[in-house]
Amino acid sequence: MNNRKHNTHLSQSDIALQIESLVQAIERSDTPAYRITHKRSGYEQVEQTRLSRYFTNVQQMYNLFDDRVPYDYSEHLLAFREAWEYIGLQRSPNGPVCMSETGTYWLSHQQSMNVLTERIRELTRQRRYQRKAGDRAYEARKQATEIIAYTDAVMSLYSRTTVIRLDLYYRPEAQARLRVEQVFEHLDDLIDKHSRQPIFEHLIADSTVIWPPIP
């Protein structure tokens, strides 16, 4: 039976979120991606673990990284990319694979995902990874505090202030084709257009949040 999820093309933001979930799940556990046992007959038996479901779109995960555009990736995405490159994963019809430690033969896809998992776990325990995660959390708290302070100042300065929340979104069929640089281009166009509209003549301030988050 074919798994339709393998053939589903997900958007850039969806794939980024899946990588975040994968790395976080690996951080919180000590299990392999797949549990593999070898039979006396020479065959190997593969059983899924709690991590297995996170590897469904692993090939699309790697395709996310595009060196043509200098993205600032989160620590989770960087750990995934560094682990992939470190073990030398390559595409194959049955899913990405890597060589054995001796470099003499190719591992199966499931074995390769176990190697990838172990390398990601090693990277997330390094001090530089944990420091970057702490820095990102600090910046998020700092920005939240600044936004609250700015909002309070505006509300206290103007007695008649109306706060309007406007949710804009892309149609589902367009989301899968979008890349982050296109989203920001569209955002710039939107800002340019509303700055020339008389309806916004008394606009005091505006704030934009892009969701889901993108790398």
N, C-alpha and C. Protein backbone atom coordinates (compact mmCIF):
# COMPACT_ATOMS: atom_id res chain seq x y z
N MET A 1 0.85 -1.20 0.00
CA MET A 1 0.00 0.00 0.00
C MET A 1 0.88 1.24 0.00
N ASN A 2 0.60 2.17 -0.86
CA ASN A 2 1.38 3.40 -0.95
C ASN A 2 0.94 4.39 0.12
N ASN A 3 1.90 5.08 0.68
CA ASN A 3 1.61 6.13 1.66
C ASN A 3 1.50 7.45 0.92
N ARG A 4 0.33 8.02 0.88
CA ARG A 4 0.10 9.22 0.09
C ARG A 4 0.91 10.40 0.63
N LYS A 5 1.27 10.36 1.91
CA LYS A 5 2.02 11.47 2.49
C LYS A 5 3.37 11.66 1.81
N HIS A 6 3.94 10.56 1.30
CA HIS A 6 5.24 10.67 0.65
C HIS A 6 5.14 11.48 -0.64
N ASN A 7 3.95 11.56 -1.22
CA ASN A 7 3.76 12.23 -2.50
C ASN A 7 3.16 13.62 -2.35
N THR A 8 2.96 14.06 -1.12
CA THR A 8 2.37 15.35 -0.87
C THR A 8 3.45 16.42 -0.80
N HIS A 9 3.32 17.43 -1.65
CA HIS A 9 4.29 18.52 -1.64
C HIS A 9 3.84 19.56 -0.64
N LEU A 10 4.63 19.73 0.41
CA LEU A 10 4.28 20.67 1.47
C LEU A 10 4.95 22.02 1.24
N SER A 11 4.39 23.04 1.85
CA SER A 11 4.94 24.39 1.71
C SER A 11 6.25 24.50 2.48
N GLN A 12 6.99 25.56 2.18
CA GLN A 12 8.27 25.79 2.84
C GLN A 12 8.07 25.92 4.36
N SER A 13 7.05 26.65 4.77
CA SER A 13 6.81 26.83 6.21
C SER A 13 6.41 25.53 6.88
N ASP A 14 5.59 24.72 6.20
CA ASP A 14 5.17 23.43 6.77
C ASP A 14 6.37 22.51 6.98
N ILE A 15 7.27 22.47 5.99
CA ILE A 15 8.45 21.61 6.10
C ILE A 15 9.36 22.11 7.22
N ALA A 16 9.53 23.44 7.33
CA ALA A 16 10.36 24.00 8.39
C ALA A 16 9.81 23.61 9.77
N LEU A 17 8.49 23.66 9.92
CA LEU A 17 7.87 23.27 11.18
C LEU A 17 8.06 21.78 11.46
N GLN A 18 8.03 20.96 10.41
CA GLN A 18 8.25 19.53 10.60
C GLN A 18 9.68 19.24 11.05
N ILE A 19 10.65 19.98 10.51
CA ILE A 19 12.03 19.81 10.95
C ILE A 19 12.17 20.21 12.42
N GLU A 20 11.54 21.33 12.79
CA GLU A 20 11.57 21.76 14.18
C GLU A 20 11.02 20.65 15.09
N SER A 21 9.90 20.07 14.70
CA SER A 21 9.28 19.01 15.50
C SER A 21 10.17 17.78 15.58
N LEU A 22 10.80 17.43 14.46
CA LEU A 22 11.69 16.27 14.42
C LEU A 22 12.85 16.44 15.39
N VAL A 23 13.54 17.57 15.30
CA VAL A 23 14.71 17.80 16.15
C VAL A 23 14.31 17.87 17.63
N GLN A 24 13.20 18.53 17.91
CA GLN A 24 12.74 18.62 19.30
C GLN A 24 12.38 17.24 19.85
N ALA A 25 11.76 16.40 19.02
CA ALA A 25 11.41 15.05 19.46
C ALA A 25 12.67 14.23 19.74
N ILE A 26 13.69 14.41 18.92
CA ILE A 26 14.96 13.70 19.15
C ILE A 26 15.61 14.18 20.44
N GLU A 27 15.54 15.48 20.69
CA GLU A 27 16.11 16.04 21.93
C GLU A 27 15.46 15.41 23.16
N ARG A 28 14.16 15.17 23.10
CA ARG A 28 13.42 14.72 24.27
C ARG A 28 13.46 13.21 24.47
N SER A 29 14.10 12.49 23.58
CA SER A 29 14.08 11.03 23.68
C SER A 29 15.47 10.45 23.50
N ASP A 30 15.60 9.18 23.79
CA ASP A 30 16.86 8.48 23.57
C ASP A 30 16.66 7.25 22.69
N THR A 31 15.54 7.22 21.96
CA THR A 31 15.24 6.08 21.10
C THR A 31 15.73 6.34 19.68
N PRO A 32 15.96 5.28 18.90
CA PRO A 32 16.35 5.45 17.50
C PRO A 32 15.14 5.78 16.64
N ALA A 33 15.39 6.12 15.39
CA ALA A 33 14.29 6.39 14.47
C ALA A 33 13.52 5.10 14.19
N TYR A 34 14.25 3.99 14.06
CA TYR A 34 13.65 2.68 13.84
C TYR A 34 14.39 1.66 14.70
N ARG A 35 13.68 0.68 15.18
CA ARG A 35 14.30 -0.40 15.94
C ARG A 35 14.56 -1.57 14.98
N ILE A 36 15.83 -1.93 14.82
CA ILE A 36 16.22 -2.92 13.83
C ILE A 36 16.86 -4.12 14.52
N THR A 37 16.34 -5.30 14.24
CA THR A 37 16.91 -6.55 14.76
C THR A 37 17.24 -7.47 13.59
N HIS A 38 18.33 -8.21 13.75
CA HIS A 38 18.79 -9.09 12.68
C HIS A 38 18.44 -10.55 13.02
N LYS A 39 17.82 -11.23 12.07
CA LYS A 39 17.42 -12.61 12.24
C LYS A 39 18.55 -13.54 11.84
N ARG A 40 18.47 -14.76 12.33
CA ARG A 40 19.48 -15.76 11.99
C ARG A 40 19.49 -16.05 10.49
N SER A 41 18.35 -15.85 9.86
CA SER A 41 18.24 -16.10 8.43
C SER A 41 18.99 -15.06 7.61
N GLY A 42 19.43 -14.00 8.26
CA GLY A 42 20.14 -12.95 7.55
C GLY A 42 19.29 -11.72 7.27
N TYR A 43 17.99 -11.85 7.44
CA TYR A 43 17.09 -10.72 7.20
C TYR A 43 17.05 -9.82 8.44
N GLU A 44 16.72 -8.57 8.22
CA GLU A 44 16.56 -7.65 9.34
C GLU A 44 15.09 -7.29 9.50
N GLN A 45 14.67 -7.19 10.74
CA GLN A 45 13.30 -6.82 11.05
C GLN A 45 13.28 -5.38 11.53
N VAL A 46 12.42 -4.58 10.91
CA VAL A 46 12.35 -3.16 11.23
C VAL A 46 11.03 -2.86 11.93
N GLU A 47 11.12 -2.22 13.08
CA GLU A 47 9.94 -1.81 13.82
C GLU A 47 9.97 -0.29 14.02
N GLN A 48 8.82 0.32 13.95
CA GLN A 48 8.75 1.75 14.15
C GLN A 48 8.83 2.10 15.63
N THR A 49 9.36 3.29 15.89
CA THR A 49 9.41 3.81 17.26
C THR A 49 8.59 5.09 17.31
N ARG A 50 8.62 5.76 18.43
CA ARG A 50 7.87 7.02 18.56
C ARG A 50 8.41 8.11 17.63
N LEU A 51 9.65 7.95 17.18
CA LEU A 51 10.25 8.95 16.29
C LEU A 51 9.96 8.70 14.82
N SER A 52 9.58 7.50 14.46
CA SER A 52 9.48 7.11 13.05
C SER A 52 8.57 8.04 12.25
N ARG A 53 7.46 8.45 12.84
CA ARG A 53 6.48 9.25 12.10
C ARG A 53 7.03 10.62 11.68
N TYR A 54 8.07 11.08 12.36
CA TYR A 54 8.63 12.40 12.03
C TYR A 54 9.48 12.37 10.75
N PHE A 55 9.78 11.17 10.23
CA PHE A 55 10.65 11.05 9.07
C PHE A 55 9.89 10.86 7.76
N THR A 56 8.57 11.01 7.80
CA THR A 56 7.75 10.76 6.62
C THR A 56 8.18 11.62 5.43
N ASN A 57 8.46 12.88 5.65
CA ASN A 57 8.82 13.80 4.56
C ASN A 57 10.28 14.22 4.63
N VAL A 58 11.15 13.28 4.99
CA VAL A 58 12.55 13.62 5.23
C VAL A 58 13.25 14.16 3.98
N GLN A 59 12.88 13.65 2.79
CA GLN A 59 13.51 14.16 1.58
C GLN A 59 13.13 15.61 1.32
N GLN A 60 11.87 15.94 1.52
CA GLN A 60 11.44 17.33 1.36
C GLN A 60 12.10 18.23 2.40
N MET A 61 12.41 17.67 3.56
CA MET A 61 13.08 18.44 4.60
C MET A 61 14.44 18.93 4.10
N TYR A 62 15.18 18.05 3.47
CA TYR A 62 16.50 18.45 2.99
C TYR A 62 16.38 19.43 1.82
N ASN A 63 15.35 19.24 1.00
CA ASN A 63 15.16 20.14 -0.15
C ASN A 63 14.84 21.57 0.29
N LEU A 64 14.50 21.75 1.56
CA LEU A 64 14.20 23.09 2.07
C LEU A 64 15.40 24.02 1.95
N PHE A 65 16.59 23.48 2.12
CA PHE A 65 17.79 24.31 2.21
C PHE A 65 18.26 24.72 0.82
N ASP A 66 18.33 26.03 0.63
CA ASP A 66 18.67 26.60 -0.67
C ASP A 66 19.75 27.64 -0.46
N ASP A 67 20.98 27.32 -0.88
CA ASP A 67 22.10 28.23 -0.65
C ASP A 67 22.05 29.48 -1.52
N ARG A 68 21.10 29.52 -2.47
CA ARG A 68 21.00 30.71 -3.31
C ARG A 68 20.44 31.90 -2.55
N VAL A 69 19.76 31.61 -1.44
CA VAL A 69 19.17 32.68 -0.62
C VAL A 69 19.74 32.56 0.79
N PRO A 70 20.35 33.63 1.34
CA PRO A 70 20.99 33.55 2.66
C PRO A 70 19.98 33.63 3.81
N TYR A 71 19.30 32.53 4.10
CA TYR A 71 18.36 32.50 5.20
C TYR A 71 19.09 32.45 6.55
N ASP A 72 18.44 32.97 7.58
CA ASP A 72 18.93 32.84 8.94
C ASP A 72 18.14 31.71 9.59
N TYR A 73 18.69 30.50 9.56
CA TYR A 73 17.97 29.33 10.04
C TYR A 73 18.00 29.24 11.57
N SER A 74 16.95 28.66 12.13
CA SER A 74 16.90 28.43 13.56
C SER A 74 17.89 27.33 13.94
N GLU A 75 18.14 27.19 15.25
CA GLU A 75 19.09 26.17 15.71
C GLU A 75 18.62 24.76 15.36
N HIS A 76 17.31 24.55 15.32
CA HIS A 76 16.79 23.22 14.99
C HIS A 76 17.08 22.88 13.52
N LEU A 77 16.81 23.84 12.64
CA LEU A 77 17.06 23.60 11.22
C LEU A 77 18.56 23.44 10.94
N LEU A 78 19.38 24.20 11.64
CA LEU A 78 20.83 24.08 11.45
C LEU A 78 21.34 22.72 11.91
N ALA A 79 20.79 22.23 13.03
CA ALA A 79 21.21 20.91 13.53
C ALA A 79 20.85 19.82 12.52
N PHE A 80 19.67 19.92 11.94
CA PHE A 80 19.25 18.93 10.94
C PHE A 80 20.16 18.98 9.73
N ARG A 81 20.44 20.18 9.24
CA ARG A 81 21.27 20.31 8.06
C ARG A 81 22.71 19.84 8.30
N GLU A 82 23.27 20.25 9.43
CA GLU A 82 24.64 19.86 9.74
C GLU A 82 24.76 18.34 9.91
N ALA A 83 23.76 17.73 10.54
CA ALA A 83 23.79 16.27 10.72
C ALA A 83 23.70 15.57 9.37
N TRP A 84 22.80 16.05 8.51
CA TRP A 84 22.64 15.46 7.17
C TRP A 84 23.96 15.51 6.41
N GLU A 85 24.60 16.68 6.41
CA GLU A 85 25.84 16.84 5.66
C GLU A 85 27.00 16.05 6.29
N TYR A 86 27.02 15.96 7.62
CA TYR A 86 28.10 15.27 8.31
C TYR A 86 28.14 13.78 7.97
N ILE A 87 26.95 13.15 7.92
CA ILE A 87 26.94 11.71 7.64
C ILE A 87 26.86 11.42 6.15
N GLY A 88 26.71 12.47 5.33
CA GLY A 88 26.74 12.29 3.88
C GLY A 88 25.53 11.60 3.29
N LEU A 89 24.35 11.98 3.73
CA LEU A 89 23.13 11.36 3.19
C LEU A 89 22.98 11.67 1.70
N GLN A 90 22.52 10.66 0.97
CA GLN A 90 22.30 10.79 -0.46
C GLN A 90 20.89 10.30 -0.80
N ARG A 91 20.32 10.85 -1.88
CA ARG A 91 19.00 10.42 -2.31
C ARG A 91 19.05 8.99 -2.85
N SER A 92 17.96 8.28 -2.64
CA SER A 92 17.81 6.94 -3.22
C SER A 92 16.32 6.68 -3.42
N PRO A 93 15.96 5.70 -4.27
CA PRO A 93 14.54 5.43 -4.53
C PRO A 93 13.74 5.09 -3.27
N ASN A 94 14.39 4.50 -2.27
CA ASN A 94 13.69 4.09 -1.06
C ASN A 94 13.83 5.09 0.08
N GLY A 95 14.39 6.24 -0.21
CA GLY A 95 14.61 7.25 0.82
C GLY A 95 16.09 7.52 1.00
N PRO A 96 16.45 8.63 1.61
CA PRO A 96 17.86 9.00 1.78
C PRO A 96 18.66 7.92 2.51
N VAL A 97 19.89 7.71 2.08
CA VAL A 97 20.77 6.70 2.69
C VAL A 97 22.17 7.28 2.85
N CYS A 98 22.96 6.65 3.71
CA CYS A 98 24.36 7.04 3.89
C CYS A 98 25.24 5.79 3.95
N MET A 99 26.53 6.01 3.91
CA MET A 99 27.47 4.90 3.96
C MET A 99 27.67 4.42 5.40
N SER A 100 28.18 3.21 5.54
CA SER A 100 28.53 2.67 6.85
C SER A 100 29.72 3.43 7.41
N GLU A 101 30.02 3.21 8.69
CA GLU A 101 31.16 3.90 9.31
C GLU A 101 32.46 3.58 8.58
N THR A 102 32.58 2.38 8.06
CA THR A 102 33.81 1.99 7.34
C THR A 102 33.84 2.54 5.93
N GLY A 103 32.69 3.03 5.45
CA GLY A 103 32.62 3.57 4.11
C GLY A 103 32.70 2.53 3.02
N THR A 104 32.33 1.29 3.34
CA THR A 104 32.46 0.19 2.38
C THR A 104 31.12 -0.25 1.79
N TYR A 105 30.01 0.16 2.38
CA TYR A 105 28.71 -0.23 1.84
C TYR A 105 27.65 0.77 2.29
N TRP A 106 26.53 0.75 1.55
CA TRP A 106 25.42 1.65 1.85
C TRP A 106 24.51 1.03 2.91
N LEU A 107 24.09 1.83 3.85
CA LEU A 107 23.10 1.39 4.83
C LEU A 107 21.71 1.47 4.23
N SER A 108 20.77 0.76 4.82
CA SER A 108 19.38 0.89 4.39
C SER A 108 18.85 2.25 4.82
N HIS A 109 17.70 2.61 4.30
CA HIS A 109 17.11 3.91 4.66
C HIS A 109 16.86 3.99 6.17
N GLN A 110 16.31 2.93 6.75
CA GLN A 110 16.02 2.94 8.18
C GLN A 110 17.30 3.03 9.01
N GLN A 111 18.33 2.30 8.61
CA GLN A 111 19.60 2.39 9.32
C GLN A 111 20.18 3.80 9.22
N SER A 112 20.05 4.39 8.03
CA SER A 112 20.57 5.74 7.81
C SER A 112 19.84 6.77 8.67
N MET A 113 18.53 6.60 8.84
CA MET A 113 17.78 7.51 9.69
C MET A 113 18.19 7.37 11.16
N ASN A 114 18.59 6.17 11.56
CA ASN A 114 19.13 5.99 12.91
C ASN A 114 20.44 6.75 13.09
N VAL A 115 21.29 6.70 12.06
CA VAL A 115 22.55 7.44 12.10
C VAL A 115 22.28 8.94 12.15
N LEU A 116 21.34 9.39 11.35
CA LEU A 116 20.97 10.82 11.33
C LEU A 116 20.46 11.25 12.70
N THR A 117 19.61 10.42 13.30
CA THR A 117 19.05 10.72 14.62
C THR A 117 20.14 10.87 15.66
N GLU A 118 21.08 9.95 15.65
CA GLU A 118 22.16 9.98 16.64
C GLU A 118 23.03 11.23 16.47
N ARG A 119 23.28 11.60 15.22
CA ARG A 119 24.10 12.79 14.99
C ARG A 119 23.37 14.06 15.41
N ILE A 120 22.07 14.15 15.13
CA ILE A 120 21.28 15.31 15.58
C ILE A 120 21.31 15.39 17.10
N ARG A 121 21.17 14.26 17.75
CA ARG A 121 21.19 14.24 19.23
C ARG A 121 22.53 14.74 19.76
N GLU A 122 23.62 14.35 19.11
CA GLU A 122 24.95 14.81 19.52
C GLU A 122 25.07 16.33 19.36
N LEU A 123 24.56 16.84 18.24
CA LEU A 123 24.67 18.28 17.98
C LEU A 123 23.86 19.10 18.97
N THR A 124 22.67 18.62 19.31
CA THR A 124 21.81 19.39 20.22
C THR A 124 22.35 19.43 21.64
N ARG A 125 23.31 18.58 21.94
CA ARG A 125 23.92 18.58 23.28
C ARG A 125 25.16 19.46 23.34
N GLN A 126 25.55 20.00 22.21
CA GLN A 126 26.73 20.86 22.20
C GLN A 126 26.39 22.25 22.74
N ARG A 127 27.37 22.89 23.34
CA ARG A 127 27.14 24.18 23.99
C ARG A 127 26.70 25.25 22.99
N ARG A 128 27.27 25.24 21.79
CA ARG A 128 26.92 26.29 20.82
C ARG A 128 25.46 26.20 20.40
N TYR A 129 24.94 24.99 20.31
CA TYR A 129 23.52 24.80 19.97
C TYR A 129 22.65 25.34 21.10
N GLN A 130 22.96 24.98 22.34
CA GLN A 130 22.16 25.41 23.47
C GLN A 130 22.25 26.92 23.67
N ARG A 131 23.42 27.50 23.35
CA ARG A 131 23.57 28.95 23.48
C ARG A 131 22.70 29.68 22.46
N LYS A 132 22.66 29.16 21.23
CA LYS A 132 21.85 29.81 20.20
C LYS A 132 20.37 29.71 20.56
N ALA A 133 19.95 28.57 21.11
CA ALA A 133 18.55 28.42 21.52
C ALA A 133 18.21 29.43 22.62
N GLY A 134 19.14 29.63 23.56
CA GLY A 134 18.92 30.60 24.63
C GLY A 134 18.86 32.02 24.10
N ASP A 135 19.74 32.34 23.14
CA ASP A 135 19.74 33.68 22.54
C ASP A 135 18.44 33.96 21.82
N ARG A 136 17.91 32.97 21.11
CA ARG A 136 16.67 33.16 20.37
C ARG A 136 15.49 33.36 21.33
N ALA A 137 15.48 32.61 22.42
CA ALA A 137 14.41 32.75 23.41
C ALA A 137 14.47 34.13 24.06
N TYR A 138 15.69 34.61 24.34
CA TYR A 138 15.85 35.95 24.94
C TYR A 138 15.34 37.03 24.00
N GLU A 139 15.67 36.93 22.70
CA GLU A 139 15.23 37.92 21.72
C GLU A 139 13.71 37.93 21.61
N ALA A 140 13.09 36.74 21.67
CA ALA A 140 11.63 36.66 21.58
C ALA A 140 10.98 37.36 22.78
N ARG A 141 11.52 37.14 23.98
CA ARG A 141 10.98 37.80 25.17
C ARG A 141 11.19 39.31 25.10
N LYS A 142 12.35 39.71 24.61
CA LYS A 142 12.66 41.14 24.50
C LYS A 142 11.70 41.83 23.53
N GLN A 143 11.45 41.20 22.38
CA GLN A 143 10.54 41.80 21.40
C GLN A 143 9.12 41.88 21.93
N ALA A 144 8.70 40.83 22.64
CA ALA A 144 7.35 40.84 23.22
C ALA A 144 7.20 41.97 24.22
N THR A 145 8.22 42.18 25.04
CA THR A 145 8.19 43.26 26.03
C THR A 145 8.13 44.62 25.35
N GLU A 146 8.91 44.80 24.28
CA GLU A 146 8.94 46.07 23.57
C GLU A 146 7.59 46.36 22.91
N ILE A 147 6.96 45.34 22.34
CA ILE A 147 5.65 45.53 21.69
C ILE A 147 4.59 45.94 22.71
N ILE A 148 4.60 45.28 23.87
CA ILE A 148 3.63 45.61 24.92
C ILE A 148 3.84 47.05 25.41
N ALA A 149 5.10 47.42 25.60
CA ALA A 149 5.41 48.77 26.08
C ALA A 149 4.99 49.81 25.04
N TYR A 150 5.23 49.53 23.77
CA TYR A 150 4.87 50.47 22.72
C TYR A 150 3.35 50.63 22.63
N THR A 151 2.64 49.50 22.73
CA THR A 151 1.18 49.54 22.67
C THR A 151 0.60 50.34 23.83
N ASP A 152 1.15 50.12 25.02
CA ASP A 152 0.68 50.86 26.20
C ASP A 152 0.92 52.36 26.03
N ALA A 153 2.08 52.72 25.45
CA ALA A 153 2.40 54.14 25.25
C ALA A 153 1.44 54.79 24.27
N VAL A 154 1.11 54.09 23.18
CA VAL A 154 0.17 54.63 22.19
C VAL A 154 -1.21 54.79 22.80
N MET A 155 -1.67 53.79 23.56
CA MET A 155 -3.00 53.84 24.15
C MET A 155 -3.11 54.96 25.18
N SER A 156 -2.03 55.24 25.89
CA SER A 156 -2.07 56.31 26.89
C SER A 156 -1.94 57.70 26.25
N LEU A 157 -1.32 57.76 25.08
CA LEU A 157 -1.12 59.05 24.40
C LEU A 157 -2.37 59.50 23.66
N TYR A 158 -3.06 58.54 23.06
CA TYR A 158 -4.27 58.87 22.29
C TYR A 158 -5.48 58.31 23.01
N SER A 159 -6.40 59.18 23.36
CA SER A 159 -7.57 58.76 24.14
C SER A 159 -8.53 57.93 23.31
N ARG A 160 -8.57 58.20 21.99
CA ARG A 160 -9.48 57.45 21.12
C ARG A 160 -8.65 56.63 20.14
N THR A 161 -8.37 55.44 20.52
CA THR A 161 -7.56 54.55 19.69
C THR A 161 -8.34 53.27 19.41
N THR A 162 -8.43 52.93 18.17
CA THR A 162 -9.10 51.69 17.77
C THR A 162 -8.06 50.70 17.25
N VAL A 163 -8.06 49.53 17.84
CA VAL A 163 -7.14 48.48 17.41
C VAL A 163 -7.88 47.53 16.47
N ILE A 164 -7.36 47.37 15.28
CA ILE A 164 -7.98 46.51 14.28
C ILE A 164 -7.02 45.37 13.93
N ARG A 165 -7.51 44.17 14.01
CA ARG A 165 -6.72 43.00 13.61
C ARG A 165 -7.25 42.48 12.28
N LEU A 166 -6.35 42.36 11.33
CA LEU A 166 -6.73 41.91 9.99
C LEU A 166 -5.90 40.68 9.64
N ASP A 167 -6.56 39.56 9.42
CA ASP A 167 -5.86 38.32 9.06
C ASP A 167 -5.91 38.12 7.55
N LEU A 168 -4.74 38.08 6.94
CA LEU A 168 -4.62 37.82 5.51
C LEU A 168 -3.95 36.46 5.33
N TYR A 169 -4.36 35.74 4.33
CA TYR A 169 -3.78 34.41 4.14
C TYR A 169 -3.75 34.07 2.66
N TYR A 170 -2.93 33.09 2.32
CA TYR A 170 -2.84 32.60 0.95
C TYR A 170 -3.81 31.43 0.76
N ARG A 171 -4.30 31.31 -0.43
CA ARG A 171 -5.14 30.16 -0.75
C ARG A 171 -4.31 28.89 -0.62
N PRO A 172 -4.91 27.77 -0.18
CA PRO A 172 -4.14 26.53 0.04
C PRO A 172 -3.34 26.09 -1.18
N GLU A 173 -3.90 26.26 -2.38
CA GLU A 173 -3.20 25.82 -3.58
C GLU A 173 -1.97 26.68 -3.87
N ALA A 174 -1.92 27.89 -3.32
CA ALA A 174 -0.77 28.77 -3.54
C ALA A 174 0.31 28.59 -2.47
N GLN A 175 -0.09 28.15 -1.28
CA GLN A 175 0.85 28.05 -0.17
C GLN A 175 2.01 27.11 -0.47
N ALA A 176 1.73 25.99 -1.12
CA ALA A 176 2.78 24.99 -1.37
C ALA A 176 3.86 25.51 -2.31
N ARG A 177 3.56 26.53 -3.12
CA ARG A 177 4.52 27.05 -4.09
C ARG A 177 5.33 28.24 -3.55
N LEU A 178 4.90 28.78 -2.43
CA LEU A 178 5.52 30.00 -1.91
C LEU A 178 6.83 29.73 -1.19
N ARG A 179 7.77 30.66 -1.37
CA ARG A 179 8.99 30.65 -0.61
C ARG A 179 9.03 31.93 0.22
N VAL A 180 9.87 31.94 1.23
CA VAL A 180 9.86 33.04 2.19
C VAL A 180 10.15 34.39 1.53
N GLU A 181 11.07 34.40 0.55
CA GLU A 181 11.40 35.67 -0.08
C GLU A 181 10.20 36.24 -0.84
N GLN A 182 9.33 35.37 -1.37
CA GLN A 182 8.13 35.83 -2.06
C GLN A 182 7.14 36.43 -1.07
N VAL A 183 7.04 35.83 0.11
CA VAL A 183 6.13 36.35 1.14
C VAL A 183 6.53 37.77 1.53
N PHE A 184 7.83 38.00 1.72
CA PHE A 184 8.28 39.33 2.10
C PHE A 184 8.12 40.34 0.96
N GLU A 185 8.26 39.88 -0.28
CA GLU A 185 8.00 40.77 -1.42
C GLU A 185 6.54 41.20 -1.44
N HIS A 186 5.66 40.25 -1.21
CA HIS A 186 4.23 40.57 -1.17
C HIS A 186 3.91 41.51 0.00
N LEU A 187 4.59 41.29 1.13
CA LEU A 187 4.38 42.16 2.28
C LEU A 187 4.82 43.59 1.99
N ASP A 188 5.95 43.74 1.32
CA ASP A 188 6.42 45.08 0.93
C ASP A 188 5.43 45.77 0.00
N ASP A 189 4.88 44.99 -0.94
CA ASP A 189 3.88 45.54 -1.86
C ASP A 189 2.64 46.01 -1.10
N LEU A 190 2.22 45.21 -0.13
CA LEU A 190 1.04 45.56 0.66
C LEU A 190 1.26 46.84 1.45
N ILE A 191 2.43 46.96 2.08
CA ILE A 191 2.76 48.17 2.86
C ILE A 191 2.79 49.39 1.96
N ASP A 192 3.38 49.22 0.77
CA ASP A 192 3.46 50.34 -0.18
C ASP A 192 2.08 50.80 -0.62
N LYS A 193 1.19 49.83 -0.86
CA LYS A 193 -0.15 50.19 -1.33
C LYS A 193 -0.97 50.85 -0.23
N HIS A 194 -0.92 50.34 0.99
CA HIS A 194 -1.77 50.93 2.02
C HIS A 194 -1.23 52.29 2.48
N SER A 195 0.07 52.58 2.25
CA SER A 195 0.61 53.89 2.61
C SER A 195 0.09 54.98 1.70
N ARG A 196 -0.45 54.59 0.52
CA ARG A 196 -0.97 55.58 -0.42
C ARG A 196 -2.49 55.63 -0.43
N GLN A 197 -3.11 54.91 0.47
CA GLN A 197 -4.56 54.90 0.56
C GLN A 197 -5.05 55.92 1.59
N PRO A 198 -5.97 56.81 1.23
CA PRO A 198 -6.44 57.83 2.17
C PRO A 198 -7.12 57.26 3.40
N ILE A 199 -7.62 56.02 3.31
CA ILE A 199 -8.30 55.44 4.47
C ILE A 199 -7.35 55.24 5.64
N PHE A 200 -6.04 55.17 5.34
CA PHE A 200 -5.05 54.97 6.40
C PHE A 200 -4.39 56.28 6.82
N GLU A 201 -5.02 57.42 6.51
CA GLU A 201 -4.43 58.73 6.81
C GLU A 201 -4.14 58.90 8.30
N HIS A 202 -5.01 58.35 9.15
CA HIS A 202 -4.86 58.53 10.59
C HIS A 202 -4.27 57.28 11.26
N LEU A 203 -3.64 56.47 10.48
CA LEU A 203 -3.00 55.27 11.05
C LEU A 203 -1.83 55.69 11.94
N ILE A 204 -1.84 55.25 13.18
CA ILE A 204 -0.78 55.62 14.12
C ILE A 204 0.40 54.65 14.01
N ALA A 205 0.10 53.35 13.95
CA ALA A 205 1.16 52.35 13.89
C ALA A 205 0.57 51.06 13.37
N ASP A 206 1.44 50.20 12.88
CA ASP A 206 0.98 48.89 12.46
C ASP A 206 2.06 47.88 12.78
N SER A 207 1.63 46.64 12.95
CA SER A 207 2.55 45.55 13.26
C SER A 207 2.14 44.34 12.44
N THR A 208 3.12 43.64 11.90
CA THR A 208 2.85 42.49 11.04
C THR A 208 3.48 41.23 11.62
N VAL A 209 2.70 40.18 11.68
CA VAL A 209 3.20 38.87 12.13
C VAL A 209 2.92 37.87 11.03
N ILE A 210 3.96 37.14 10.60
CA ILE A 210 3.79 36.11 9.58
C ILE A 210 3.64 34.77 10.27
N TRP A 211 2.57 34.05 9.94
CA TRP A 211 2.30 32.76 10.56
C TRP A 211 1.75 31.80 9.51
N PRO A 212 2.20 30.54 9.48
CA PRO A 212 3.17 29.93 10.37
C PRO A 212 4.55 30.55 10.21
N PRO A 213 5.40 30.41 11.26
CA PRO A 213 6.75 30.97 11.17
C PRO A 213 7.54 30.31 10.07
N ILE A 214 8.43 31.05 9.43
CA ILE A 214 9.22 30.53 8.33
C ILE A 214 10.68 30.70 8.67
N PRO A 215 11.57 29.87 8.09
CA PRO A 215 12.96 29.85 8.52
C PRO A 215 13.67 31.17 8.25
